[in-house]
Structures are given as C-alpha cells and as structure tokens.
Amino acid sequence: MALATITTKGQITIPQEVRKSLNLHTGDKLEIIATSEGEALIRPVSRKVDDVFCMLQKSGRKAVSVDTMNATIKKRLAEKYK
C-alpha cells in the first residue's frame, strides 16, 4: 500500500511505485473523482491519437489553413489575456 501526505497547500506527492504502475510522468494530468462512499478515484487522463482522430470533423465544414488557425488562436488568446 502506498501512502501520501497532504501538505498545507493541499498538494500530495504520488509515490514512485504508483507513478511507475500508472506510467505517469511530469506534466501528466490526473482526474480525481469523489465517490458517494467517501472514496477518491484517481486516474490518469490520457488519450491516444486514435481515440480522438476525426472528433473535430463535421460534415459540411470547410477546411482552413494552418495560418488561419494560428491567427485565430492568437486573436483569442490576446482577447482572453488583455
């Protein structure tokens, strides 16, 4: 059994054996689900390319260039972080 301690900032360190078992690396995201039984389920959030392939594809949508996408992203970020 692996134990972790919560710091005063609400942070925990995931024990090495758990990180290895779940193949976790720096920067990986974890999903934490509180159950009705008072337990917490912690699981890695990972998606393979095959899992998300064509999820954004919608019939009738026109293709746009990478330059157009980059310009739109830049504009939205500028608006968000004014």
C-alpha atoms as a PDB file:
ATOM      1  CA  MET A   1       0.000   0.000   0.000  1.00  0.00           C
ATOM      2  CA  ALA A   2       1.332   3.426  -0.927  1.00  0.00           C
ATOM      3  CA  LEU A   3       0.684   6.399   1.339  1.00  0.00           C
ATOM      4  CA  ALA A   4       0.771  10.115   0.548  1.00  0.00           C
ATOM      5  CA  THR A   5       0.516  13.117   2.861  1.00  0.00           C
ATOM      6  CA  ILE A   6      -1.394  16.302   2.069  1.00  0.00           C
ATOM      7  CA  THR A   7       0.691  19.467   2.518  1.00  0.00           C
ATOM      8  CA  THR A   8      -0.612  22.745   3.923  1.00  0.00           C
ATOM      9  CA  LYS A   9      -1.077  23.859   0.301  1.00  0.00           C
ATOM     10  CA  GLY A  10      -3.294  20.849  -0.419  1.00  0.00           C
ATOM     11  CA  GLN A  11      -0.646  19.110  -2.517  1.00  0.00           C
ATOM     12  CA  ILE A  12       0.413  15.481  -2.461  1.00  0.00           C
ATOM     13  CA  THR A  13       3.360  13.591  -3.863  1.00  0.00           C
ATOM     14  CA  ILE A  14       2.358  10.434  -5.674  1.00  0.00           C
ATOM     15  CA  PRO A  15       4.617   7.592  -4.533  1.00  0.00           C
ATOM     16  CA  GLN A  16       7.109   6.329  -7.105  1.00  0.00           C
ATOM     17  CA  GLU A  17       5.617   2.819  -7.210  1.00  0.00           C
ATOM     18  CA  VAL A  18       2.214   4.282  -8.137  1.00  0.00           C
ATOM     19  CA  ARG A  19       3.721   6.600 -10.777  1.00  0.00           C
ATOM     20  CA  LYS A  20       5.539   3.662 -12.347  1.00  0.00           C
ATOM     21  CA  SER A  21       2.455   1.449 -12.208  1.00  0.00           C
ATOM     22  CA  LEU A  22       0.319   4.088 -13.952  1.00  0.00           C
ATOM     23  CA  ASN A  23       3.160   5.185 -16.272  1.00  0.00           C
ATOM     24  CA  LEU A  24       2.878   8.781 -15.018  1.00  0.00           C
ATOM     25  CA  HIS A  25       5.368  11.475 -15.941  1.00  0.00           C
ATOM     26  CA  THR A  26       5.948  15.141 -15.108  1.00  0.00           C
ATOM     27  CA  GLY A  27       3.122  17.260 -16.539  1.00  0.00           C
ATOM     28  CA  ASP A  28       0.614  14.409 -16.848  1.00  0.00           C
ATOM     29  CA  LYS A  29      -2.954  15.215 -15.813  1.00  0.00           C
ATOM     30  CA  LEU A  30      -4.949  13.218 -13.283  1.00  0.00           C
ATOM     31  CA  GLU A  31      -8.706  13.024 -12.859  1.00  0.00           C
ATOM     32  CA  ILE A  32      -9.935  12.792  -9.266  1.00  0.00           C
ATOM     33  CA  ILE A  33     -13.460  11.561  -8.665  1.00  0.00           C
ATOM     34  CA  ALA A  34     -15.113  11.649  -5.220  1.00  0.00           C
ATOM     35  CA  THR A  35     -17.452   8.683  -4.816  1.00  0.00           C
ATOM     36  CA  SER A  36     -20.626   8.545  -2.733  1.00  0.00           C
ATOM     37  CA  GLU A  37     -18.854   6.015  -0.490  1.00  0.00           C
ATOM     38  CA  GLY A  38     -16.376   8.684   0.643  1.00  0.00           C
ATOM     39  CA  GLU A  39     -13.526   7.397  -1.522  1.00  0.00           C
ATOM     40  CA  ALA A  40     -11.476   9.104  -4.199  1.00  0.00           C
ATOM     41  CA  LEU A  41     -10.681   7.525  -7.531  1.00  0.00           C
ATOM     42  CA  ILE A  42      -7.564   8.899  -9.170  1.00  0.00           C
ATOM     43  CA  ARG A  43      -6.845   8.029 -12.773  1.00  0.00           C
ATOM     44  CA  PRO A  44      -4.607   9.415 -15.473  1.00  0.00           C
ATOM     45  CA  VAL A  45      -6.196  11.487 -18.200  1.00  0.00           C
ATOM     46  CA  SER A  46      -4.642  10.193 -21.350  1.00  0.00           C
ATOM     47  CA  ARG A  47      -5.860   9.893 -24.840  1.00  0.00           C
ATOM     48  CA  LYS A  48      -4.200   8.271 -27.770  1.00  0.00           C
ATOM     49  CA  VAL A  49      -4.324   9.874 -31.192  1.00  0.00           C
ATOM     50  CA  ASP A  50      -6.560   7.045 -32.340  1.00  0.00           C
ATOM     51  CA  ASP A  51      -9.085   7.899 -29.590  1.00  0.00           C
ATOM     52  CA  VAL A  52      -9.562  11.473 -30.775  1.00  0.00           C
ATOM     53  CA  PHE A  53      -8.963  11.078 -34.510  1.00  0.00           C
ATOM     54  CA  CYS A  54     -11.673  12.874 -36.519  1.00  0.00           C
ATOM     55  CA  MET A  55     -13.551  14.095 -33.419  1.00  0.00           C
ATOM     56  CA  LEU A  56     -13.468  17.631 -34.793  1.00  0.00           C
ATOM     57  CA  GLN A  57     -14.595  16.576 -38.243  1.00  0.00           C
ATOM     58  CA  LYS A  58     -18.078  17.790 -39.064  1.00  0.00           C
ATOM     59  CA  SER A  59     -19.704  17.285 -42.410  1.00  0.00           C
ATOM     60  CA  GLY A  60     -20.122  20.465 -44.418  1.00  0.00           C
ATOM     61  CA  ARG A  61     -17.312  22.285 -42.615  1.00  0.00           C
ATOM     62  CA  LYS A  62     -14.747  23.968 -44.859  1.00  0.00           C
ATOM     63  CA  ALA A  63     -11.077  23.236 -44.328  1.00  0.00           C
ATOM     64  CA  VAL A  64      -8.956  26.169 -43.151  1.00  0.00           C
ATOM     65  CA  SER A  65      -5.243  26.734 -43.457  1.00  0.00           C
ATOM     66  CA  VAL A  66      -2.783  26.410 -40.590  1.00  0.00           C
ATOM     67  CA  ASP A  67      -2.077  30.150 -40.915  1.00  0.00           C
ATOM     68  CA  THR A  68      -5.778  30.910 -40.408  1.00  0.00           C
ATOM     69  CA  MET A  69      -5.921  28.618 -37.365  1.00  0.00           C
ATOM     70  CA  ASN A  70      -2.806  30.230 -35.861  1.00  0.00           C
ATOM     71  CA  ALA A  71      -4.196  33.733 -36.423  1.00  0.00           C
ATOM     72  CA  THR A  72      -7.497  32.789 -34.761  1.00  0.00           C
ATOM     73  CA  ILE A  73      -5.730  31.229 -31.776  1.00  0.00           C
ATOM     74  CA  LYS A  74      -3.505  34.288 -31.398  1.00  0.00           C
ATOM     75  CA  LYS A  75      -6.539  36.605 -31.531  1.00  0.00           C
ATOM     76  CA  ARG A  76      -8.497  34.586 -28.947  1.00  0.00           C
ATOM     77  CA  LEU A  77      -5.542  34.423 -26.561  1.00  0.00           C
ATOM     78  CA  ALA A  78      -4.994  38.175 -26.887  1.00  0.00           C
ATOM     79  CA  GLU A  79      -8.675  38.757 -26.028  1.00  0.00           C
ATOM     80  CA  LYS A  80      -8.530  36.364 -23.082  1.00  0.00           C
ATOM     81  CA  TYR A  81      -5.366  37.808 -21.539  1.00  0.00           C
ATOM     82  CA  LYS A  82      -5.934  41.542 -22.033  1.00  0.00           C
END
